[in-house]
C-alpha atoms as a PDB file:
ATOM      1  CA  SER A   1     -48.354 -29.375  16.776  1.00  0.00           C
ATOM      2  CA  GLU A   2     -51.946 -30.315  17.958  1.00  0.00           C
ATOM      3  CA  GLN A   3     -50.396 -31.471  21.372  1.00  0.00           C
ATOM      4  CA  SER A   4     -48.595 -28.265  22.149  1.00  0.00           C
ATOM      5  CA  GLY A   5     -51.596 -26.281  21.083  1.00  0.00           C
ATOM      6  CA  ARG A   6     -49.578 -24.107  18.817  1.00  0.00           C
ATOM      7  CA  ILE A   7     -49.096 -23.403  15.021  1.00  0.00           C
ATOM      8  CA  GLU A   8     -46.269 -24.359  13.297  1.00  0.00           C
ATOM      9  CA  THR A   9     -43.262 -21.726  13.468  1.00  0.00           C
ATOM     10  CA  ASP A  10     -40.289 -23.847  12.360  1.00  0.00           C
ATOM     11  CA  ASP A  11     -39.758 -21.625   9.430  1.00  0.00           C
ATOM     12  CA  THR A  12     -37.831 -19.090  11.664  1.00  0.00           C
ATOM     13  CA  PRO A  13     -35.729 -21.651  13.587  1.00  0.00           C
ATOM     14  CA  GLY A  14     -33.482 -20.992  16.272  1.00  0.00           C
ATOM     15  CA  THR A  15     -30.334 -23.317  16.871  1.00  0.00           C
ATOM     16  CA  PHE A  16     -31.094 -23.224  20.468  1.00  0.00           C
ATOM     17  CA  TRP A  17     -34.775 -22.729  21.190  1.00  0.00           C
ATOM     18  CA  MET A  18     -35.374 -22.676  24.985  1.00  0.00           C
ATOM     19  CA  THR A  19     -38.846 -22.519  26.756  1.00  0.00           C
ATOM     20  CA  ASN A  20     -37.293 -23.571  30.216  1.00  0.00           C
ATOM     21  CA  MET A  21     -34.053 -21.968  31.311  1.00  0.00           C
ATOM     22  CA  GLN A  22     -33.467 -24.436  34.250  1.00  0.00           C
ATOM     23  CA  ASN A  23     -30.019 -25.469  32.792  1.00  0.00           C
ATOM     24  CA  SER A  24     -26.359 -24.588  32.340  1.00  0.00           C
ATOM     25  CA  PHE A  25     -25.001 -23.103  29.108  1.00  0.00           C
ATOM     26  CA  GLU A  26     -21.555 -22.828  28.786  1.00  0.00           C
ATOM     27  CA  GLY A  27     -19.176 -22.557  25.891  1.00  0.00           C
ATOM     28  CA  ASN A  28     -21.613 -23.254  22.970  1.00  0.00           C
ATOM     29  CA  VAL A  29     -21.349 -22.011  19.564  1.00  0.00           C
ATOM     30  CA  MET A  30     -24.428 -21.049  17.462  1.00  0.00           C
ATOM     31  CA  ALA A  31     -23.361 -20.007  14.107  1.00  0.00           C
ATOM     32  CA  GLY A  32     -25.030 -19.787  10.530  1.00  0.00           C
ATOM     33  CA  SER A  33     -28.703 -20.284  11.588  1.00  0.00           C
ATOM     34  CA  GLU A  34     -31.113 -18.891   8.756  1.00  0.00           C
ATOM     35  CA  HIS A  35     -32.704 -17.027  11.517  1.00  0.00           C
ATOM     36  CA  ILE A  36     -31.767 -17.094  15.203  1.00  0.00           C
ATOM     37  CA  GLY A  37     -28.824 -18.230  17.229  1.00  0.00           C
ATOM     38  CA  PHE A  38     -30.221 -18.335  20.888  1.00  0.00           C
ATOM     39  CA  PHE A  39     -34.195 -17.897  21.311  1.00  0.00           C
ATOM     40  CA  ILE A  40     -35.919 -17.775  24.505  1.00  0.00           C
ATOM     41  CA  GLU A  41     -39.585 -18.137  24.312  1.00  0.00           C
ATOM     42  CA  GLY A  42     -41.073 -17.840  27.578  1.00  0.00           C
ATOM     43  CA  HIS A  43     -44.452 -18.957  28.682  1.00  0.00           C
ATOM     44  CA  ASN A  44     -46.540 -19.020  31.805  1.00  0.00           C
ATOM     45  CA  LYS A  45     -47.229 -22.693  32.030  1.00  0.00           C
ATOM     46  CA  ILE A  46     -45.711 -25.824  30.620  1.00  0.00           C
ATOM     47  CA  ARG A  47     -47.550 -26.722  27.381  1.00  0.00           C
ATOM     48  CA  GLY A  48     -48.493 -30.156  26.017  1.00  0.00           C
ATOM     49  CA  PRO A  49     -48.128 -33.630  27.745  1.00  0.00           C
ATOM     50  CA  SER A  50     -45.099 -33.109  29.768  1.00  0.00           C
ATOM     51  CA  ILE A  51     -47.161 -30.811  32.066  1.00  0.00           C
ATOM     52  CA  TYR A  52     -47.518 -33.432  34.851  1.00  0.00           C
ATOM     53  CA  GLN A  53     -43.617 -33.639  35.324  1.00  0.00           C
ATOM     54  CA  ASP A  54     -43.780 -29.997  37.166  1.00  0.00           C
ATOM     55  CA  PRO A  55     -47.714 -28.587  36.711  1.00  0.00           C
ATOM     56  CA  ASP A  56     -46.645 -25.652  39.037  1.00  0.00           C
ATOM     57  CA  LEU A  57     -43.667 -24.674  37.121  1.00  0.00           C
ATOM     58  CA  ILE A  58     -43.786 -21.202  35.466  1.00  0.00           C
ATOM     59  CA  PRO A  59     -41.126 -21.283  32.409  1.00  0.00           C
ATOM     60  CA  MET A  60     -41.029 -17.470  32.077  1.00  0.00           C
ATOM     61  CA  LEU A  61     -39.530 -17.343  35.472  1.00  0.00           C
ATOM     62  CA  THR A  62     -36.817 -19.944  35.103  1.00  0.00           C
ATOM     63  CA  VAL A  63     -33.231 -19.212  36.005  1.00  0.00           C
ATOM     64  CA  PRO A  64     -30.208 -20.823  34.752  1.00  0.00           C
ATOM     65  CA  THR A  65     -27.541 -22.201  36.971  1.00  0.00           C
ATOM     66  CA  LEU A  66     -24.881 -20.780  34.597  1.00  0.00           C
ATOM     67  CA  PHE A  67     -24.701 -18.942  31.255  1.00  0.00           C
ATOM     68  CA  LYS A  68     -21.064 -18.248  30.340  1.00  0.00           C
ATOM     69  CA  ASP A  69     -18.803 -18.204  27.418  1.00  0.00           C
ATOM     70  CA  ASN A  70     -21.615 -18.603  24.799  1.00  0.00           C
ATOM     71  CA  VAL A  71     -20.895 -17.532  21.019  1.00  0.00           C
ATOM     72  CA  MET A  72     -23.327 -16.413  18.371  1.00  0.00           C
ATOM     73  CA  HIS A  73     -22.100 -15.497  14.913  1.00  0.00           C
ATOM     74  CA  GLY A  74     -23.179 -15.521  11.250  1.00  0.00           C
ATOM     75  CA  ASN A  75     -26.844 -15.795  12.081  1.00  0.00           C
ATOM     76  CA  ALA A  76     -29.211 -14.036   9.493  1.00  0.00           C
ATOM     77  CA  PHE A  77     -31.538 -12.439  12.106  1.00  0.00           C
ATOM     78  CA  PHE A  78     -30.543 -12.247  15.762  1.00  0.00           C
ATOM     79  CA  GLY A  79     -27.758 -13.659  17.654  1.00  0.00           C
ATOM     80  CA  PHE A  80     -29.962 -13.777  20.677  1.00  0.00           C
ATOM     81  CA  THR A  81     -33.498 -12.942  21.304  1.00  0.00           C
ATOM     82  CA  THR A  82     -36.490 -13.200  23.631  1.00  0.00           C
ATOM     83  CA  TYR A  83     -38.830 -12.032  21.490  1.00  0.00           C
ATOM     84  CA  PRO A  84     -41.961 -11.972  21.164  1.00  0.00           C
ATOM     85  CA  ARG A  85     -43.015 -13.362  24.329  1.00  0.00           C
ATOM     86  CA  GLY A  86     -40.137 -12.417  26.464  1.00  0.00           C
ATOM     87  CA  TRP A  87     -38.178 -13.760  29.569  1.00  0.00           C
ATOM     88  CA  ARG A  88     -38.563 -12.396  33.178  1.00  0.00           C
ATOM     89  CA  PRO A  89     -36.380 -14.635  35.348  1.00  0.00           C
ATOM     90  CA  SER A  90     -37.234 -14.585  39.148  1.00  0.00           C
ATOM     91  CA  GLU A  91     -33.831 -13.354  40.080  1.00  0.00           C
ATOM     92  CA  MET A  92     -30.999 -11.506  38.190  1.00  0.00           C
ATOM     93  CA  VAL A  93     -29.163 -13.547  35.761  1.00  0.00           C
ATOM     94  CA  ILE A  94     -25.560 -12.977  34.832  1.00  0.00           C
ATOM     95  CA  MET A  95     -24.837 -13.615  31.161  1.00  0.00           C
ATOM     96  CA  GLU A  96     -21.020 -13.774  31.216  1.00  0.00           C
ATOM     97  CA  ASN A  97     -18.704 -13.196  28.235  1.00  0.00           C
ATOM     98  CA  MET A  98     -20.991 -13.718  25.391  1.00  0.00           C
ATOM     99  CA  GLN A  99     -19.258 -13.258  21.896  1.00  0.00           C
ATOM    100  CA  VAL A 100     -21.878 -11.989  19.500  1.00  0.00           C
ATOM    101  CA  TYR A 101     -20.893 -10.853  15.970  1.00  0.00           C
ATOM    102  CA  ARG A 102     -21.388 -10.789  12.006  1.00  0.00           C
ATOM    103  CA  GLY A 103     -25.161 -10.770  12.651  1.00  0.00           C
ATOM    104  CA  LEU A 104     -27.203  -9.608   9.731  1.00  0.00           C
ATOM    105  CA  THR A 105     -29.484  -7.546  11.717  1.00  0.00           C
ATOM    106  CA  SER A 106     -29.056  -7.110  15.864  1.00  0.00           C
ATOM    107  CA  GLY A 107     -26.532  -8.985  17.835  1.00  0.00           C
ATOM    108  CA  MET A 108     -28.987  -9.223  20.756  1.00  0.00           C
ATOM    109  CA  PHE A 109     -32.866  -8.240  20.936  1.00  0.00           C
ATOM    110  CA  ILE A 110     -34.373  -8.144  24.416  1.00  0.00           C
ATOM    111  CA  HIS A 111     -38.005  -7.936  24.446  1.00  0.00           C
ATOM    112  CA  ASN A 112     -40.742  -7.719  27.465  1.00  0.00           C
ATOM    113  CA  SER A 113     -37.689  -9.002  29.669  1.00  0.00           C
ATOM    114  CA  GLY A 114     -35.839  -8.245  32.804  1.00  0.00           C
ATOM    115  CA  LYS A 115     -33.064  -8.846  35.605  1.00  0.00           C
ATOM    116  CA  LEU A 116     -30.625  -9.596  32.967  1.00  0.00           C
ATOM    117  CA  ASN A 117     -26.850  -8.669  33.572  1.00  0.00           C
ATOM    118  CA  ILE A 118     -24.912  -8.892  30.440  1.00  0.00           C
ATOM    119  CA  ARG A 119     -21.352  -8.828  31.684  1.00  0.00           C
ATOM    120  CA  GLY A 120     -18.112  -8.678  29.750  1.00  0.00           C
ATOM    121  CA  GLY A 121     -18.136  -9.951  26.299  1.00  0.00           C
ATOM    122  CA  TYR A 122     -18.006  -8.614  22.675  1.00  0.00           C
ATOM    123  CA  PHE A 123     -20.491  -7.334  20.134  1.00  0.00           C
ATOM    124  CA  LEU A 124     -19.058  -6.723  16.774  1.00  0.00           C
ATOM    125  CA  ASN A 125     -19.807  -6.407  13.140  1.00  0.00           C
ATOM    126  CA  ASN A 126     -23.557  -6.662  13.597  1.00  0.00           C
ATOM    127  CA  ARG A 127     -25.252  -4.778  10.975  1.00  0.00           C
ATOM    128  CA  ARG A 128     -28.324  -3.015  12.880  1.00  0.00           C
ATOM    129  CA  ASN A 129     -27.526  -2.835  16.599  1.00  0.00           C
ATOM    130  CA  GLY A 130     -25.119  -4.516  18.900  1.00  0.00           C
ATOM    131  CA  ILE A 131     -27.763  -4.742  21.658  1.00  0.00           C
ATOM    132  CA  SER A 132     -31.364  -3.703  21.122  1.00  0.00           C
ATOM    133  CA  MET A 133     -34.271  -3.599  23.534  1.00  0.00           C
ATOM    134  CA  THR A 134     -37.904  -2.926  23.752  1.00  0.00           C
ATOM    135  CA  GLY A 135     -40.324  -2.994  26.685  1.00  0.00           C
ATOM    136  CA  ALA A 136     -37.387  -4.314  28.938  1.00  0.00           C
ATOM    137  CA  ASP A 137     -36.426  -3.438  32.500  1.00  0.00           C
ATOM    138  CA  GLU A 138     -33.922  -3.895  34.819  1.00  0.00           C
ATOM    139  CA  LEU A 139     -31.191  -4.732  32.313  1.00  0.00           C
ATOM    140  CA  ILE A 140     -27.486  -4.066  32.964  1.00  0.00           C
ATOM    141  CA  VAL A 141     -24.773  -3.983  30.264  1.00  0.00           C
ATOM    142  CA  GLU A 142     -21.349  -4.101  32.168  1.00  0.00           C
ATOM    143  CA  GLY A 143     -17.627  -4.291  31.052  1.00  0.00           C
ATOM    144  CA  THR A 144     -18.831  -5.125  27.416  1.00  0.00           C
ATOM    145  CA  THR A 145     -17.235  -4.109  24.331  1.00  0.00           C
ATOM    146  CA  VAL A 146     -19.452  -2.806  21.179  1.00  0.00           C
ATOM    147  CA  VAL A 147     -18.026  -2.105  17.938  1.00  0.00           C
ATOM    148  CA  ASP A 148     -19.760  -1.323  14.628  1.00  0.00           C
ATOM    149  CA  ARG A 149     -17.220  -2.363  11.986  1.00  0.00           C
ATOM    150  CA  THR A 150     -13.661  -3.685  11.974  1.00  0.00           C
ATOM    151  CA  GLU A 151     -11.415  -2.948   9.150  1.00  0.00           C
ATOM    152  CA  GLY A 152     -11.926  -6.236   7.396  1.00  0.00           C
ATOM    153  CA  GLU A 153     -15.636  -6.472   7.681  1.00  0.00           C
ATOM    154  CA  ARG A 154     -16.314  -3.052   6.194  1.00  0.00           C
ATOM    155  CA  GLY A 155     -14.943  -4.111   2.844  1.00  0.00           C
ATOM    156  CA  GLY A 156     -15.643  -0.755   1.213  1.00  0.00           C
ATOM    157  CA  ASN A 157     -19.465  -1.128   2.214  1.00  0.00           C
ATOM    158  CA  CYS A 158     -20.832  -0.060   5.393  1.00  0.00           C
ATOM    159  CA  ASN A 159     -23.996  -2.001   4.847  1.00  0.00           C
ATOM    160  CA  GLY A 160     -26.403   0.655   6.677  1.00  0.00           C
ATOM    161  CA  ASN A 161     -25.717   2.757   9.901  1.00  0.00           C
ATOM    162  CA  THR A 162     -25.184   0.353  12.771  1.00  0.00           C
ATOM    163  CA  HIS A 163     -26.109   1.429  16.638  1.00  0.00           C
ATOM    164  CA  GLY A 164     -24.378   0.107  19.381  1.00  0.00           C
ATOM    165  CA  ILE A 165     -26.784  -0.206  21.966  1.00  0.00           C
ATOM    166  CA  GLN A 166     -30.420   0.884  21.575  1.00  0.00           C
ATOM    167  CA  VAL A 167     -32.163   1.934  24.945  1.00  0.00           C
ATOM    168  CA  HIS A 168     -36.028   1.809  25.128  1.00  0.00           C
ATOM    169  CA  PRO A 169     -37.669   4.621  26.736  1.00  0.00           C
ATOM    170  CA  ILE A 170     -40.940   2.973  28.094  1.00  0.00           C
ATOM    171  CA  LYS A 171     -41.221   0.651  31.139  1.00  0.00           C
ATOM    172  CA  ASN A 172     -42.908  -2.862  30.271  1.00  0.00           C
ATOM    173  CA  ALA A 173     -46.110  -2.964  31.902  1.00  0.00           C
ATOM    174  CA  ALA A 174     -45.664  -6.469  32.955  1.00  0.00           C
ATOM    175  CA  MET A 175     -42.728  -5.251  35.115  1.00  0.00           C
ATOM    176  CA  ASP A 176     -42.635  -3.539  38.256  1.00  0.00           C
ATOM    177  CA  SER A 177     -44.532  -0.420  38.579  1.00  0.00           C
ATOM    178  CA  THR A 178     -43.469   1.085  41.888  1.00  0.00           C
ATOM    179  CA  GLY A 179     -40.664   3.235  40.477  1.00  0.00           C
ATOM    180  CA  THR A 180     -37.837   1.120  42.018  1.00  0.00           C
ATOM    181  CA  ILE A 181     -36.737  -0.731  39.112  1.00  0.00           C
ATOM    182  CA  ARG A 182     -34.515   0.888  36.668  1.00  0.00           C
ATOM    183  CA  GLY A 183     -34.898   0.445  32.909  1.00  0.00           C
ATOM    184  CA  THR A 184     -31.145   0.120  31.559  1.00  0.00           C
ATOM    185  CA  SER A 185     -28.001   0.529  33.048  1.00  0.00           C
ATOM    186  CA  LEU A 186     -24.804   0.832  31.025  1.00  0.00           C
ATOM    187  CA  ILE A 187     -21.700   0.439  33.187  1.00  0.00           C
ATOM    188  CA  ASP A 188     -18.062   0.484  31.825  1.00  0.00           C
ATOM    189  CA  VAL A 189     -19.196  -0.265  28.407  1.00  0.00           C
ATOM    190  CA  ASP A 190     -16.127   0.361  26.045  1.00  0.00           C
ATOM    191  CA  MET A 191     -16.998   1.745  22.714  1.00  0.00           C
ATOM    192  CA  THR A 192     -13.652   3.453  21.921  1.00  0.00           C
ATOM    193  CA  GLU A 193     -13.658   1.472  18.519  1.00  0.00           C
ATOM    194  CA  PHE A 194     -17.193   2.407  17.517  1.00  0.00           C
ATOM    195  CA  GLY A 195     -17.118   4.772  14.292  1.00  0.00           C
ATOM    196  CA  LYS A 196     -13.435   4.083  13.537  1.00  0.00           C
ATOM    197  CA  GLU A 197     -14.382   3.063  10.210  1.00  0.00           C
ATOM    198  CA  GLY A 198     -16.401   6.035   9.324  1.00  0.00           C
ATOM    199  CA  CYS A 199     -19.455   3.988   8.666  1.00  0.00           C
ATOM    200  CA  GLY A 200     -22.043   6.340  10.472  1.00  0.00           C
ATOM    201  CA  GLY A 201     -24.357   5.190  13.037  1.00  0.00           C
ATOM    202  CA  TYR A 202     -24.506   6.327  16.873  1.00  0.00           C
ATOM    203  CA  PRO A 203     -22.952   4.516  19.949  1.00  0.00           C
ATOM    204  CA  ILE A 204     -26.414   4.730  21.755  1.00  0.00           C
ATOM    205  CA  GLU A 205     -29.783   5.338  20.260  1.00  0.00           C
ATOM    206  CA  ILE A 206     -33.054   6.030  22.078  1.00  0.00           C
ATOM    207  CA  GLY A 207     -35.277   3.327  21.002  1.00  0.00           C
ATOM    208  CA  TRP A 208     -38.465   4.631  18.892  1.00  0.00           C
ATOM    209  CA  GLN A 209     -40.536   1.331  18.243  1.00  0.00           C
ATOM    210  CA  VAL A 210     -43.274   2.245  20.903  1.00  0.00           C
ATOM    211  CA  THR A 211     -46.285   0.417  19.236  1.00  0.00           C
ATOM    212  CA  GLY A 212     -48.569  -1.427  21.741  1.00  0.00           C
ATOM    213  CA  PHE A 213     -47.329   0.598  24.797  1.00  0.00           C
ATOM    214  CA  ILE A 214     -49.644   2.748  26.399  1.00  0.00           C
ATOM    215  CA  HIS A 215     -47.876   6.190  26.260  1.00  0.00           C
ATOM    216  CA  PRO A 216     -45.057   7.476  24.403  1.00  0.00           C
ATOM    217  CA  LEU A 217     -43.495   8.917  27.595  1.00  0.00           C
ATOM    218  CA  TRP A 218     -39.859   8.693  29.213  1.00  0.00           C
ATOM    219  CA  ASP A 219     -40.416   6.580  32.363  1.00  0.00           C
ATOM    220  CA  SER A 220     -37.666   3.888  32.278  1.00  0.00           C
ATOM    221  CA  PRO A 221     -34.920   5.401  34.583  1.00  0.00           C
ATOM    222  CA  THR A 222     -31.673   5.039  32.579  1.00  0.00           C
ATOM    223  CA  TYR A 223     -28.128   5.203  33.905  1.00  0.00           C
ATOM    224  CA  PHE A 224     -24.774   5.514  32.116  1.00  0.00           C
ATOM    225  CA  ASN A 225     -21.599   5.069  34.318  1.00  0.00           C
ATOM    226  CA  ASN A 226     -18.109   5.433  32.854  1.00  0.00           C
ATOM    227  CA  LEU A 227     -18.877   4.987  29.164  1.00  0.00           C
ATOM    228  CA  LYS A 228     -15.702   5.028  27.006  1.00  0.00           C
ATOM    229  CA  LEU A 229     -15.924   6.564  23.687  1.00  0.00           C
ATOM    230  CA  ASP A 230     -13.387   8.118  21.357  1.00  0.00           C
ATOM    231  CA  PRO A 231     -14.408  11.607  20.515  1.00  0.00           C
ATOM    232  CA  ASN A 232     -12.144  11.405  17.390  1.00  0.00           C
ATOM    233  CA  ASN A 233     -14.403   8.550  16.101  1.00  0.00           C
ATOM    234  CA  VAL A 234     -18.096   9.799  17.273  1.00  0.00           C
ATOM    235  CA  GLN A 235     -19.191  13.134  17.226  1.00  0.00           C
ATOM    236  CA  THR A 236     -22.555  12.615  18.434  1.00  0.00           C
ATOM    237  CA  PRO A 237     -22.655   9.929  21.275  1.00  0.00           C
ATOM    238  CA  VAL A 238     -26.515   9.563  21.618  1.00  0.00           C
ATOM    239  CA  ALA A 239     -29.445   9.580  18.959  1.00  0.00           C
ATOM    240  CA  GLY A 240     -32.509  11.071  19.851  1.00  0.00           C
ATOM    241  CA  CYS A 241     -34.195  12.583  16.978  1.00  0.00           C
ATOM    242  CA  LYS A 242     -35.692   9.537  15.625  1.00  0.00           C
ATOM    243  CA  ALA A 243     -37.594   8.840  18.852  1.00  0.00           C
ATOM    244  CA  ARG A 244     -38.825  12.302  19.042  1.00  0.00           C
ATOM    245  CA  ASP A 245     -39.861  12.380  15.476  1.00  0.00           C
ATOM    246  CA  LYS A 246     -41.417   9.218  15.020  1.00  0.00           C
ATOM    247  CA  CYS A 247     -43.281   8.712  18.651  1.00  0.00           C
ATOM    248  CA  ASP A 248     -42.912  12.061  20.311  1.00  0.00           C
ATOM    249  CA  ILE A 249     -40.685  11.057  22.988  1.00  0.00           C
ATOM    250  CA  ARG A 250     -39.598  14.606  24.367  1.00  0.00           C
ATOM    251  CA  ASP A 251     -38.795  13.993  27.886  1.00  0.00           C
ATOM    252  CA  VAL A 252     -35.537  12.139  27.849  1.00  0.00           C
ATOM    253  CA  ALA A 253     -33.673  12.209  30.976  1.00  0.00           C
ATOM    254  CA  ILE A 254     -30.596   9.886  31.502  1.00  0.00           C
ATOM    255  CA  GLU A 255     -28.369  10.027  34.499  1.00  0.00           C
ATOM    256  CA  VAL A 256     -24.736  10.048  33.541  1.00  0.00           C
ATOM    257  CA  PHE A 257     -21.925   9.307  36.361  1.00  0.00           C
ATOM    258  CA  ASN A 258     -18.212   8.938  36.182  1.00  0.00           C
ATOM    259  CA  ASP A 259     -17.772  10.639  32.740  1.00  0.00           C
ATOM    260  CA  GLN A 260     -13.878  10.303  33.047  1.00  0.00           C
ATOM    261  CA  TYR A 261     -13.445   9.700  29.147  1.00  0.00           C
ATOM    262  CA  ASN A 262     -15.661  12.856  28.125  1.00  0.00           C
ATOM    263  CA  ALA A 263     -17.975  10.973  26.345  1.00  0.00           C
ATOM    264  CA  PHE A 264     -20.795  13.459  26.930  1.00  0.00           C
ATOM    265  CA  SER A 265     -18.956  16.691  28.326  1.00  0.00           C
ATOM    266  CA  SER A 266     -15.703  18.087  27.772  1.00  0.00           C
ATOM    267  CA  PHE A 267     -15.004  18.363  31.537  1.00  0.00           C
ATOM    268  CA  GLY A 268     -15.971  14.865  32.839  1.00  0.00           C
ATOM    269  CA  VAL A 269     -18.629  15.947  35.030  1.00  0.00           C
ATOM    270  CA  ASP A 270     -21.819  14.250  36.216  1.00  0.00           C
ATOM    271  CA  GLY A 271     -25.131  14.966  35.040  1.00  0.00           C
ATOM    272  CA  PHE A 272     -28.132  14.297  32.721  1.00  0.00           C
ATOM    273  CA  ILE A 273     -28.675  13.708  28.929  1.00  0.00           C
ATOM    274  CA  ALA A 274     -31.869  15.535  28.585  1.00  0.00           C
ATOM    275  CA  SER A 275     -34.503  16.670  25.881  1.00  0.00           C
ATOM    276  CA  PRO A 276     -34.706  20.326  25.315  1.00  0.00           C
ATOM    277  CA  SER A 277     -38.130  20.252  27.318  1.00  0.00           C
ATOM    278  CA  ILE A 278     -36.537  18.868  30.229  1.00  0.00           C
ATOM    279  CA  ALA A 279     -33.388  21.011  29.803  1.00  0.00           C
ATOM    280  CA  ALA A 280     -35.573  24.313  29.743  1.00  0.00           C
ATOM    281  CA  LEU A 281     -36.387  23.807  33.601  1.00  0.00           C
ATOM    282  CA  LEU A 282     -32.614  24.308  34.292  1.00  0.00           C
ATOM    283  CA  ASP A 283     -30.392  27.137  34.105  1.00  0.00           C
ATOM    284  CA  PRO A 284     -29.196  27.256  30.316  1.00  0.00           C
ATOM    285  CA  ALA A 285     -25.834  27.835  31.158  1.00  0.00           C
ATOM    286  CA  ASP A 286     -25.619  24.563  32.926  1.00  0.00           C
ATOM    287  CA  CYS A 287     -26.494  22.688  29.367  1.00  0.00           C
ATOM    288  CA  ASN A 288     -24.693  22.080  26.124  1.00  0.00           C
ATOM    289  CA  ASP A 289     -26.101  21.092  23.197  1.00  0.00           C
ATOM    290  CA  ILE A 290     -24.662  17.368  22.167  1.00  0.00           C
ATOM    291  CA  GLY A 291     -26.606  17.046  18.957  1.00  0.00           C
ATOM    292  CA  GLU A 292     -29.493  14.631  17.753  1.00  0.00           C
ATOM    293  CA  CYS A 293     -32.186  16.589  19.722  1.00  0.00           C
ATOM    294  CA  LEU A 294     -30.413  16.195  22.930  1.00  0.00           C
ATOM    295  CA  LEU A 295     -28.251  18.296  25.496  1.00  0.00           C
ATOM    296  CA  PHE A 296     -26.092  17.449  28.454  1.00  0.00           C
ATOM    297  CA  CYS A 297     -26.764  19.357  31.521  1.00  0.00           C
END
């Protein structure tokens, strides 16, 4: 509108469209949107005539008092997203027990954001990705279950290759640049049902959308701890070829700890998922090819 100083955008609606997260969100259900279930549109200042209420407030940095037990399903685009402006709360936000399913693209798309802890919950039957991220740092996915297709949802048609979680290789320039902040940490994530219906795809994919980023280099420290995969369902745990071929990401180095479910190695040892150029610096006897242009060392 003229007062808010922006063009009309209601052709891509969100059931919840939030610019200020200073609130409590518990037990809400966002279903059947033509576009987005829960949309956070961060700004660096309040827009429009309401600015007099708190002229010093920076909505981009606001923190909810509670985000728990929220459900997003059957949304045509994203169940939850911070695209395009992002959301960078001033302290870590725990997003507890989200249920995100039957999305026509990604269940959750986190963009230009950080300090988010997705704790518990389920992501399933989302046709492209369960959780996707670009230009996002200090993200934790912890104790969450991710499934690509359930038997009843497949219906004889897999509708494309779904990836469970897509991690982004490049730090967001707006985030901390001291090297003390991690990119993405996946901890106790359960993907044992992923791939059971034989629909293809990979539990984890290295992101390849790097348009607008300064350099195609892996500079987002990433950490996997106790990921649960079933080798009977998944032959290749991480997809890296598309990132290499489309945007020349050739220096992947992901720390793996507590691999007791043998998600990446047959011996449950700690190590690193690495590109061949990184693995070349090590003893070849310490590295095994895990497919998709990656090794475990």
